[in-house]
């Protein structure tokens, strides 16, 4: 019979290995039909694209969120939408990561970015919130800026309110490029899961116009 201490060590290593094979993708947005088509909901739209590509149902309800599980490249993948207003997203993300004992390296957060032109995608290992309230709340609740993020450029309106801009739908001439950016971002997420942040950044961090 194996020594009890050896068995305990074996199970600790086993569950640590299982956790290391979980990848979590968070898309930021605002819940509700009135926000579905807004520029600020790019994160939700990328998750929606991934649900179709990977056939993952995001219908579980817990952690003040909507989420679902799937498999990709031998890893267990969670697609996650905090189901709270944008500036309260952090508690959902921190709660689920604590429950499943996930490290920040297992997280990729997807959001819009006014500082980037429409058509630009950027992936980074870490960084500040850059004025994004949802990202700022996640940073605050996790207590660190050291997690992967994928930012989709939506451009800005210098003549008006930034709040009005992000909570409005895109102009008609922007929609084709925005749809393409959502699909490119979804591809970048898949690349991250399979090959890591550096490979995904090298391939997808660019101006796609």
Foldseek 3Di string as FASTA:
>chain_A
DDDPVVVVVVVVVVLVVLLVLEAEEEFEFEDDPLQCQFLFRLRVLLLVVLCVVQVWDQDDDDLCWTKTWDDAQNGIYMYIYNHHHLLQSQSSVLVVCVVSVHDLARYEYETEDQVDAAQFKAKDQFDAPNPRNNLNNNCVNVVHRGHIYMYGYDHQDPVDDRVVRRRDGDDPVSVVSSVVSSVLVSVLVSCCSNPNRVVSRVVGGDRRD
